[in-house]
Amino acid sequence: MSTERIESLILLETNIDDMPAEWLGPLLEQLLDAGALDAWFTPIQMKKNRPAVQLRALCGPEKAPELRALLFAHTSTLGVRQQEVQRFSLPRRIQVAQTPFGPIRVKLAQVAPGRWKAAPEFEDCMAAARAHDAPLGEVYRAALAGVDFG
């Protein structure tokens, strides 16, 4: 018995071969800050054997116009492709695990009734590891040990 849910989302994409690479990282941050659910680059080869990146951003339908405008304003692209996609996802919730390194947020996803996956938030683990001069793996394991799956 599956617990997955189905969402209708928009996938925006464009190929970029004429923009400084240094601008790409901040562009991803802008997309995520503007409401993209995810955004990523894939290296590609374009005409005339030019190296390039394909930029893709996933968003809810209500965010597509804003993100398209952002792509036109902050990239060298002259065109953006858009398609509707379905995303199957597991129900999830955030739990705060109490650890010797402090509270760590943990994402829990229900795979099936009574079965869960857990993933500590990387940023929380990294901050706690730095604050306590502890190995990241140790903090990660402590967060998982502090999860209540009930």
N, C-alpha and C. Protein backbone atom coordinates (compact mmCIF):
# COMPACT_ATOMS: atom_id res chain seq x y z
N MET A 1 0.84 -1.19 0.00
CA MET A 1 0.00 0.00 0.00
C MET A 1 0.88 1.25 0.00
N SER A 2 0.72 2.07 -1.00
CA SER A 2 1.56 3.25 -1.16
C SER A 2 0.94 4.46 -0.47
N THR A 3 1.81 5.33 0.02
CA THR A 3 1.34 6.57 0.66
C THR A 3 1.70 7.79 -0.17
N GLU A 4 2.20 7.56 -1.40
CA GLU A 4 2.68 8.69 -2.20
C GLU A 4 1.55 9.62 -2.61
N ARG A 5 1.92 10.85 -2.90
CA ARG A 5 0.95 11.83 -3.40
C ARG A 5 1.44 12.32 -4.76
N ILE A 6 0.52 12.83 -5.56
CA ILE A 6 0.85 13.30 -6.90
C ILE A 6 0.61 14.80 -6.95
N GLU A 7 1.61 15.52 -7.47
CA GLU A 7 1.50 16.97 -7.63
C GLU A 7 1.72 17.31 -9.10
N SER A 8 0.99 18.28 -9.61
CA SER A 8 1.24 18.83 -10.94
C SER A 8 2.15 20.03 -10.77
N LEU A 9 3.32 19.95 -11.39
CA LEU A 9 4.32 21.00 -11.28
C LEU A 9 4.74 21.47 -12.66
N ILE A 10 5.50 22.54 -12.71
CA ILE A 10 6.02 23.09 -13.96
C ILE A 10 7.54 22.92 -13.97
N LEU A 11 8.06 22.44 -15.09
CA LEU A 11 9.50 22.33 -15.30
C LEU A 11 9.90 23.37 -16.34
N LEU A 12 10.75 24.30 -15.91
CA LEU A 12 11.29 25.32 -16.80
C LEU A 12 12.71 24.92 -17.17
N GLU A 13 13.10 25.16 -18.44
CA GLU A 13 14.47 24.84 -18.81
C GLU A 13 14.96 25.74 -19.93
N THR A 14 16.27 25.95 -19.90
CA THR A 14 16.93 26.74 -20.94
C THR A 14 18.37 26.29 -21.03
N ASN A 15 18.99 26.48 -22.20
CA ASN A 15 20.40 26.17 -22.41
C ASN A 15 21.17 27.48 -22.43
N ILE A 16 22.30 27.48 -21.73
CA ILE A 16 23.11 28.70 -21.63
C ILE A 16 24.54 28.38 -22.03
N ASP A 17 25.05 29.10 -23.05
CA ASP A 17 26.43 28.86 -23.50
C ASP A 17 27.25 30.15 -23.58
N ASP A 18 26.69 31.26 -23.13
CA ASP A 18 27.39 32.53 -23.32
C ASP A 18 27.31 33.44 -22.09
N MET A 19 27.44 32.81 -20.93
CA MET A 19 27.35 33.55 -19.68
C MET A 19 28.51 33.12 -18.78
N PRO A 20 29.13 34.03 -18.04
CA PRO A 20 30.23 33.62 -17.15
C PRO A 20 29.78 32.58 -16.12
N ALA A 21 30.60 31.57 -15.93
CA ALA A 21 30.28 30.49 -15.00
C ALA A 21 30.09 31.00 -13.57
N GLU A 22 30.78 32.07 -13.21
CA GLU A 22 30.67 32.61 -11.85
C GLU A 22 29.26 33.08 -11.53
N TRP A 23 28.48 33.38 -12.56
CA TRP A 23 27.12 33.89 -12.35
C TRP A 23 26.12 32.77 -12.10
N LEU A 24 26.51 31.53 -12.36
CA LEU A 24 25.56 30.43 -12.30
C LEU A 24 25.14 30.08 -10.87
N GLY A 25 26.09 30.01 -9.95
CA GLY A 25 25.76 29.69 -8.55
C GLY A 25 24.75 30.65 -7.96
N PRO A 26 25.01 31.96 -8.04
CA PRO A 26 24.04 32.92 -7.50
C PRO A 26 22.68 32.82 -8.19
N LEU A 27 22.66 32.44 -9.46
CA LEU A 27 21.39 32.28 -10.17
C LEU A 27 20.54 31.18 -9.54
N LEU A 28 21.17 30.06 -9.20
CA LEU A 28 20.42 28.99 -8.53
C LEU A 28 19.83 29.48 -7.22
N GLU A 29 20.61 30.22 -6.45
CA GLU A 29 20.11 30.77 -5.19
C GLU A 29 18.92 31.68 -5.43
N GLN A 30 18.99 32.53 -6.46
CA GLN A 30 17.87 33.42 -6.78
C GLN A 30 16.62 32.63 -7.11
N LEU A 31 16.76 31.58 -7.90
CA LEU A 31 15.61 30.76 -8.27
C LEU A 31 14.97 30.12 -7.03
N LEU A 32 15.80 29.57 -6.17
CA LEU A 32 15.28 28.92 -4.96
C LEU A 32 14.65 29.95 -4.03
N ASP A 33 15.27 31.11 -3.89
CA ASP A 33 14.71 32.17 -3.05
C ASP A 33 13.38 32.67 -3.60
N ALA A 34 13.21 32.61 -4.92
CA ALA A 34 11.98 33.09 -5.56
C ALA A 34 10.87 32.05 -5.58
N GLY A 35 11.15 30.85 -5.05
CA GLY A 35 10.09 29.86 -4.93
C GLY A 35 10.25 28.60 -5.74
N ALA A 36 11.37 28.42 -6.44
CA ALA A 36 11.60 27.15 -7.12
C ALA A 36 11.70 26.05 -6.07
N LEU A 37 11.08 24.92 -6.34
CA LEU A 37 11.17 23.78 -5.43
C LEU A 37 12.53 23.10 -5.54
N ASP A 38 13.10 23.18 -6.74
CA ASP A 38 14.43 22.64 -7.00
C ASP A 38 14.95 23.34 -8.24
N ALA A 39 16.25 23.42 -8.38
CA ALA A 39 16.88 24.00 -9.56
C ALA A 39 18.25 23.37 -9.71
N TRP A 40 18.67 23.12 -10.96
CA TRP A 40 19.95 22.45 -11.17
C TRP A 40 20.48 22.72 -12.57
N PHE A 41 21.78 22.47 -12.71
CA PHE A 41 22.47 22.60 -13.98
C PHE A 41 22.94 21.22 -14.43
N THR A 42 22.92 21.01 -15.74
CA THR A 42 23.49 19.81 -16.35
C THR A 42 24.45 20.27 -17.44
N PRO A 43 25.69 19.78 -17.42
CA PRO A 43 26.61 20.18 -18.49
C PRO A 43 26.16 19.56 -19.82
N ILE A 44 26.18 20.36 -20.88
CA ILE A 44 25.79 19.89 -22.21
C ILE A 44 26.77 20.44 -23.24
N GLN A 45 26.70 19.91 -24.45
CA GLN A 45 27.48 20.37 -25.58
C GLN A 45 26.49 20.95 -26.59
N MET A 46 26.71 22.17 -27.03
CA MET A 46 25.78 22.81 -27.97
C MET A 46 26.41 22.87 -29.37
N LYS A 47 25.68 23.54 -30.27
CA LYS A 47 26.16 23.66 -31.65
C LYS A 47 27.55 24.29 -31.66
N LYS A 48 28.28 24.04 -32.71
CA LYS A 48 29.66 24.51 -32.86
C LYS A 48 30.55 23.97 -31.74
N ASN A 49 30.10 22.87 -31.14
CA ASN A 49 30.85 22.17 -30.10
C ASN A 49 31.12 23.02 -28.87
N ARG A 50 30.23 23.95 -28.59
CA ARG A 50 30.40 24.84 -27.43
C ARG A 50 29.94 24.15 -26.14
N PRO A 51 30.77 24.20 -25.08
CA PRO A 51 30.30 23.70 -23.78
C PRO A 51 29.24 24.67 -23.23
N ALA A 52 28.26 24.11 -22.54
CA ALA A 52 27.16 24.91 -22.02
C ALA A 52 26.56 24.20 -20.82
N VAL A 53 25.56 24.83 -20.25
CA VAL A 53 24.78 24.19 -19.19
C VAL A 53 23.31 24.27 -19.56
N GLN A 54 22.60 23.24 -19.18
CA GLN A 54 21.14 23.28 -19.26
C GLN A 54 20.66 23.58 -17.85
N LEU A 55 19.88 24.63 -17.72
CA LEU A 55 19.33 25.03 -16.44
C LEU A 55 17.89 24.56 -16.38
N ARG A 56 17.56 23.87 -15.30
CA ARG A 56 16.18 23.43 -15.07
C ARG A 56 15.73 23.88 -13.70
N ALA A 57 14.47 24.28 -13.63
CA ALA A 57 13.87 24.68 -12.36
C ALA A 57 12.48 24.08 -12.27
N LEU A 58 12.17 23.54 -11.13
CA LEU A 58 10.88 22.92 -10.86
C LEU A 58 10.10 23.83 -9.92
N CYS A 59 8.83 24.08 -10.26
CA CYS A 59 8.05 25.00 -9.43
C CYS A 59 6.56 24.66 -9.52
N GLY A 60 5.80 25.25 -8.61
CA GLY A 60 4.35 25.18 -8.70
C GLY A 60 3.87 26.07 -9.84
N PRO A 61 2.71 25.79 -10.41
CA PRO A 61 2.21 26.58 -11.55
C PRO A 61 2.11 28.07 -11.26
N GLU A 62 1.82 28.44 -10.02
CA GLU A 62 1.67 29.85 -9.67
C GLU A 62 3.00 30.60 -9.69
N LYS A 63 4.11 29.89 -9.57
CA LYS A 63 5.43 30.52 -9.55
C LYS A 63 6.08 30.60 -10.93
N ALA A 64 5.55 29.89 -11.92
CA ALA A 64 6.18 29.82 -13.24
C ALA A 64 6.39 31.19 -13.89
N PRO A 65 5.39 32.08 -13.92
CA PRO A 65 5.62 33.38 -14.56
C PRO A 65 6.76 34.17 -13.91
N GLU A 66 6.82 34.18 -12.60
CA GLU A 66 7.87 34.91 -11.88
C GLU A 66 9.25 34.32 -12.17
N LEU A 67 9.34 32.98 -12.20
CA LEU A 67 10.64 32.35 -12.44
C LEU A 67 11.07 32.51 -13.89
N ARG A 68 10.12 32.46 -14.83
CA ARG A 68 10.47 32.73 -16.24
C ARG A 68 11.03 34.14 -16.38
N ALA A 69 10.37 35.10 -15.74
CA ALA A 69 10.84 36.49 -15.79
C ALA A 69 12.24 36.61 -15.19
N LEU A 70 12.49 35.90 -14.11
CA LEU A 70 13.81 35.91 -13.49
C LEU A 70 14.86 35.35 -14.45
N LEU A 71 14.53 34.27 -15.15
CA LEU A 71 15.47 33.68 -16.11
C LEU A 71 15.79 34.66 -17.24
N PHE A 72 14.78 35.34 -17.75
CA PHE A 72 15.02 36.31 -18.82
C PHE A 72 15.85 37.49 -18.32
N ALA A 73 15.61 37.93 -17.10
CA ALA A 73 16.30 39.10 -16.56
C ALA A 73 17.74 38.80 -16.13
N HIS A 74 18.00 37.59 -15.63
CA HIS A 74 19.29 37.31 -15.00
C HIS A 74 20.16 36.32 -15.75
N THR A 75 19.75 35.95 -16.98
CA THR A 75 20.59 35.09 -17.81
C THR A 75 20.69 35.70 -19.19
N SER A 76 21.51 35.09 -20.01
CA SER A 76 21.65 35.53 -21.40
C SER A 76 20.64 34.86 -22.32
N THR A 77 19.75 34.02 -21.77
CA THR A 77 18.85 33.25 -22.61
C THR A 77 17.84 34.13 -23.36
N LEU A 78 17.45 33.64 -24.52
CA LEU A 78 16.42 34.30 -25.32
C LEU A 78 15.14 33.48 -25.35
N GLY A 79 15.17 32.29 -24.72
CA GLY A 79 13.99 31.43 -24.70
C GLY A 79 13.99 30.47 -23.53
N VAL A 80 12.81 30.20 -23.00
CA VAL A 80 12.63 29.28 -21.88
C VAL A 80 11.55 28.27 -22.27
N ARG A 81 11.87 27.00 -22.14
CA ARG A 81 10.88 25.95 -22.40
C ARG A 81 10.12 25.66 -21.10
N GLN A 82 8.86 25.30 -21.23
CA GLN A 82 8.04 25.01 -20.06
C GLN A 82 7.20 23.78 -20.35
N GLN A 83 7.13 22.89 -19.38
CA GLN A 83 6.25 21.74 -19.51
C GLN A 83 5.66 21.37 -18.16
N GLU A 84 4.47 20.83 -18.20
CA GLU A 84 3.84 20.35 -16.97
C GLU A 84 4.34 18.94 -16.71
N VAL A 85 4.70 18.69 -15.47
CA VAL A 85 5.18 17.36 -15.07
C VAL A 85 4.42 16.92 -13.83
N GLN A 86 4.39 15.64 -13.61
CA GLN A 86 3.81 15.12 -12.37
C GLN A 86 4.96 14.67 -11.48
N ARG A 87 4.84 15.01 -10.20
CA ARG A 87 5.82 14.56 -9.22
C ARG A 87 5.10 13.67 -8.21
N PHE A 88 5.64 12.50 -8.03
CA PHE A 88 5.15 11.58 -7.02
C PHE A 88 6.05 11.76 -5.80
N SER A 89 5.47 12.05 -4.66
CA SER A 89 6.29 12.29 -3.47
C SER A 89 5.67 11.63 -2.26
N LEU A 90 6.52 11.38 -1.29
CA LEU A 90 6.08 10.75 -0.05
C LEU A 90 5.63 11.81 0.95
N PRO A 91 4.62 11.49 1.75
CA PRO A 91 4.25 12.43 2.82
C PRO A 91 5.45 12.61 3.75
N ARG A 92 5.64 13.84 4.21
CA ARG A 92 6.81 14.10 5.05
C ARG A 92 6.48 15.08 6.15
N ARG A 93 7.35 15.07 7.13
CA ARG A 93 7.24 16.04 8.23
C ARG A 93 8.64 16.28 8.77
N ILE A 94 8.77 17.38 9.48
CA ILE A 94 10.05 17.72 10.12
C ILE A 94 9.93 17.46 11.62
N GLN A 95 10.94 16.81 12.16
CA GLN A 95 11.00 16.57 13.60
C GLN A 95 12.34 17.13 14.09
N VAL A 96 12.35 17.66 15.28
CA VAL A 96 13.60 18.16 15.86
C VAL A 96 14.13 17.08 16.81
N ALA A 97 15.30 16.55 16.46
CA ALA A 97 15.95 15.54 17.30
C ALA A 97 16.87 16.25 18.29
N GLN A 98 16.77 15.87 19.55
CA GLN A 98 17.66 16.41 20.57
C GLN A 98 18.91 15.54 20.59
N THR A 99 20.07 16.16 20.43
CA THR A 99 21.34 15.42 20.37
C THR A 99 22.33 16.06 21.33
N PRO A 100 23.43 15.38 21.60
CA PRO A 100 24.49 15.99 22.42
C PRO A 100 25.07 17.25 21.77
N PHE A 101 24.79 17.45 20.48
CA PHE A 101 25.30 18.60 19.75
C PHE A 101 24.25 19.70 19.61
N GLY A 102 23.13 19.52 20.27
CA GLY A 102 22.03 20.47 20.16
C GLY A 102 20.92 19.94 19.28
N PRO A 103 19.86 20.72 19.12
CA PRO A 103 18.73 20.27 18.30
C PRO A 103 19.09 20.23 16.82
N ILE A 104 18.67 19.17 16.15
CA ILE A 104 18.91 18.99 14.71
C ILE A 104 17.56 18.64 14.06
N ARG A 105 17.20 19.41 13.04
CA ARG A 105 15.98 19.09 12.29
C ARG A 105 16.22 17.84 11.44
N VAL A 106 15.21 16.97 11.43
CA VAL A 106 15.28 15.73 10.65
C VAL A 106 14.01 15.63 9.81
N LYS A 107 14.20 15.41 8.51
CA LYS A 107 13.07 15.22 7.60
C LYS A 107 12.67 13.75 7.64
N LEU A 108 11.38 13.49 7.92
CA LEU A 108 10.85 12.13 7.94
C LEU A 108 9.88 11.97 6.79
N ALA A 109 10.00 10.87 6.04
CA ALA A 109 9.10 10.58 4.94
C ALA A 109 8.50 9.20 5.15
N GLN A 110 7.19 9.10 5.00
CA GLN A 110 6.51 7.83 5.20
C GLN A 110 6.53 7.03 3.90
N VAL A 111 7.24 5.90 3.92
CA VAL A 111 7.37 5.03 2.75
C VAL A 111 6.12 4.17 2.60
N ALA A 112 5.60 3.68 3.70
CA ALA A 112 4.39 2.85 3.76
C ALA A 112 3.89 2.97 5.19
N PRO A 113 2.65 2.57 5.45
CA PRO A 113 2.17 2.65 6.83
C PRO A 113 3.15 1.97 7.80
N GLY A 114 3.64 2.74 8.75
CA GLY A 114 4.57 2.21 9.74
C GLY A 114 6.03 2.16 9.31
N ARG A 115 6.33 2.55 8.07
CA ARG A 115 7.72 2.54 7.57
C ARG A 115 8.13 3.95 7.17
N TRP A 116 9.28 4.38 7.67
CA TRP A 116 9.74 5.76 7.48
C TRP A 116 11.17 5.80 6.99
N LYS A 117 11.51 6.88 6.29
CA LYS A 117 12.89 7.25 5.96
C LYS A 117 13.18 8.50 6.76
N ALA A 118 14.45 8.67 7.14
CA ALA A 118 14.83 9.87 7.88
C ALA A 118 16.11 10.45 7.29
N ALA A 119 16.16 11.78 7.20
CA ALA A 119 17.35 12.47 6.71
C ALA A 119 17.56 13.75 7.52
N PRO A 120 18.61 13.79 8.32
CA PRO A 120 18.92 15.02 9.05
C PRO A 120 19.20 16.17 8.09
N GLU A 121 18.82 17.38 8.48
CA GLU A 121 19.08 18.57 7.66
C GLU A 121 20.58 18.84 7.67
N PHE A 122 21.16 18.86 6.49
CA PHE A 122 22.60 19.00 6.36
C PHE A 122 23.11 20.28 7.02
N GLU A 123 22.44 21.40 6.79
CA GLU A 123 22.90 22.67 7.34
C GLU A 123 22.94 22.63 8.87
N ASP A 124 21.93 22.00 9.49
CA ASP A 124 21.93 21.88 10.95
C ASP A 124 23.10 21.03 11.42
N CYS A 125 23.33 19.91 10.72
CA CYS A 125 24.44 19.02 11.10
C CYS A 125 25.78 19.72 10.94
N MET A 126 25.93 20.43 9.85
CA MET A 126 27.19 21.13 9.60
C MET A 126 27.45 22.21 10.65
N ALA A 127 26.42 22.98 10.99
CA ALA A 127 26.57 24.03 12.01
C ALA A 127 26.92 23.42 13.36
N ALA A 128 26.26 22.33 13.73
CA ALA A 128 26.53 21.68 15.01
C ALA A 128 27.94 21.08 15.03
N ALA A 129 28.36 20.48 13.92
CA ALA A 129 29.71 19.90 13.85
C ALA A 129 30.77 20.99 14.03
N ARG A 130 30.56 22.13 13.39
CA ARG A 130 31.52 23.23 13.53
C ARG A 130 31.53 23.78 14.95
N ALA A 131 30.34 23.97 15.51
CA ALA A 131 30.23 24.56 16.85
C ALA A 131 30.86 23.66 17.92
N HIS A 132 30.83 22.35 17.69
CA HIS A 132 31.35 21.40 18.69
C HIS A 132 32.66 20.76 18.26
N ASP A 133 33.22 21.23 17.13
CA ASP A 133 34.45 20.65 16.59
C ASP A 133 34.33 19.12 16.54
N ALA A 134 33.22 18.67 15.97
CA ALA A 134 32.92 17.23 15.91
C ALA A 134 32.84 16.78 14.45
N PRO A 135 33.10 15.51 14.20
CA PRO A 135 32.95 15.00 12.84
C PRO A 135 31.49 15.08 12.37
N LEU A 136 31.30 15.47 11.14
CA LEU A 136 29.96 15.60 10.58
C LEU A 136 29.19 14.28 10.68
N GLY A 137 29.84 13.17 10.39
CA GLY A 137 29.19 11.86 10.46
C GLY A 137 28.67 11.53 11.85
N GLU A 138 29.41 11.95 12.86
CA GLU A 138 29.00 11.70 14.24
C GLU A 138 27.73 12.49 14.58
N VAL A 139 27.68 13.73 14.14
CA VAL A 139 26.50 14.56 14.36
C VAL A 139 25.30 13.98 13.61
N TYR A 140 25.52 13.56 12.38
CA TYR A 140 24.47 12.97 11.54
C TYR A 140 23.88 11.73 12.22
N ARG A 141 24.77 10.84 12.70
CA ARG A 141 24.30 9.62 13.37
C ARG A 141 23.54 9.94 14.66
N ALA A 142 23.99 10.95 15.39
CA ALA A 142 23.30 11.34 16.62
C ALA A 142 21.91 11.86 16.31
N ALA A 143 21.77 12.58 15.22
CA ALA A 143 20.45 13.09 14.83
C ALA A 143 19.52 11.94 14.50
N LEU A 144 20.01 10.97 13.76
CA LEU A 144 19.17 9.81 13.42
C LEU A 144 18.78 9.02 14.67
N ALA A 145 19.72 8.91 15.62
CA ALA A 145 19.43 8.18 16.85
C ALA A 145 18.37 8.89 17.69
N GLY A 146 18.23 10.21 17.51
CA GLY A 146 17.27 10.98 18.29
C GLY A 146 15.88 11.06 17.68
N VAL A 147 15.64 10.35 16.58
CA VAL A 147 14.35 10.43 15.89
C VAL A 147 13.33 9.50 16.55
N ASP A 148 12.13 10.03 16.72
CA ASP A 148 10.99 9.24 17.19
C ASP A 148 10.10 8.97 15.98
N PHE A 149 10.08 7.73 15.51
CA PHE A 149 9.32 7.39 14.31
C PHE A 149 7.84 7.17 14.57
N GLY A 150 7.42 7.27 15.84
CA GLY A 150 6.03 7.00 16.21
C GLY A 150 5.03 7.98 15.75
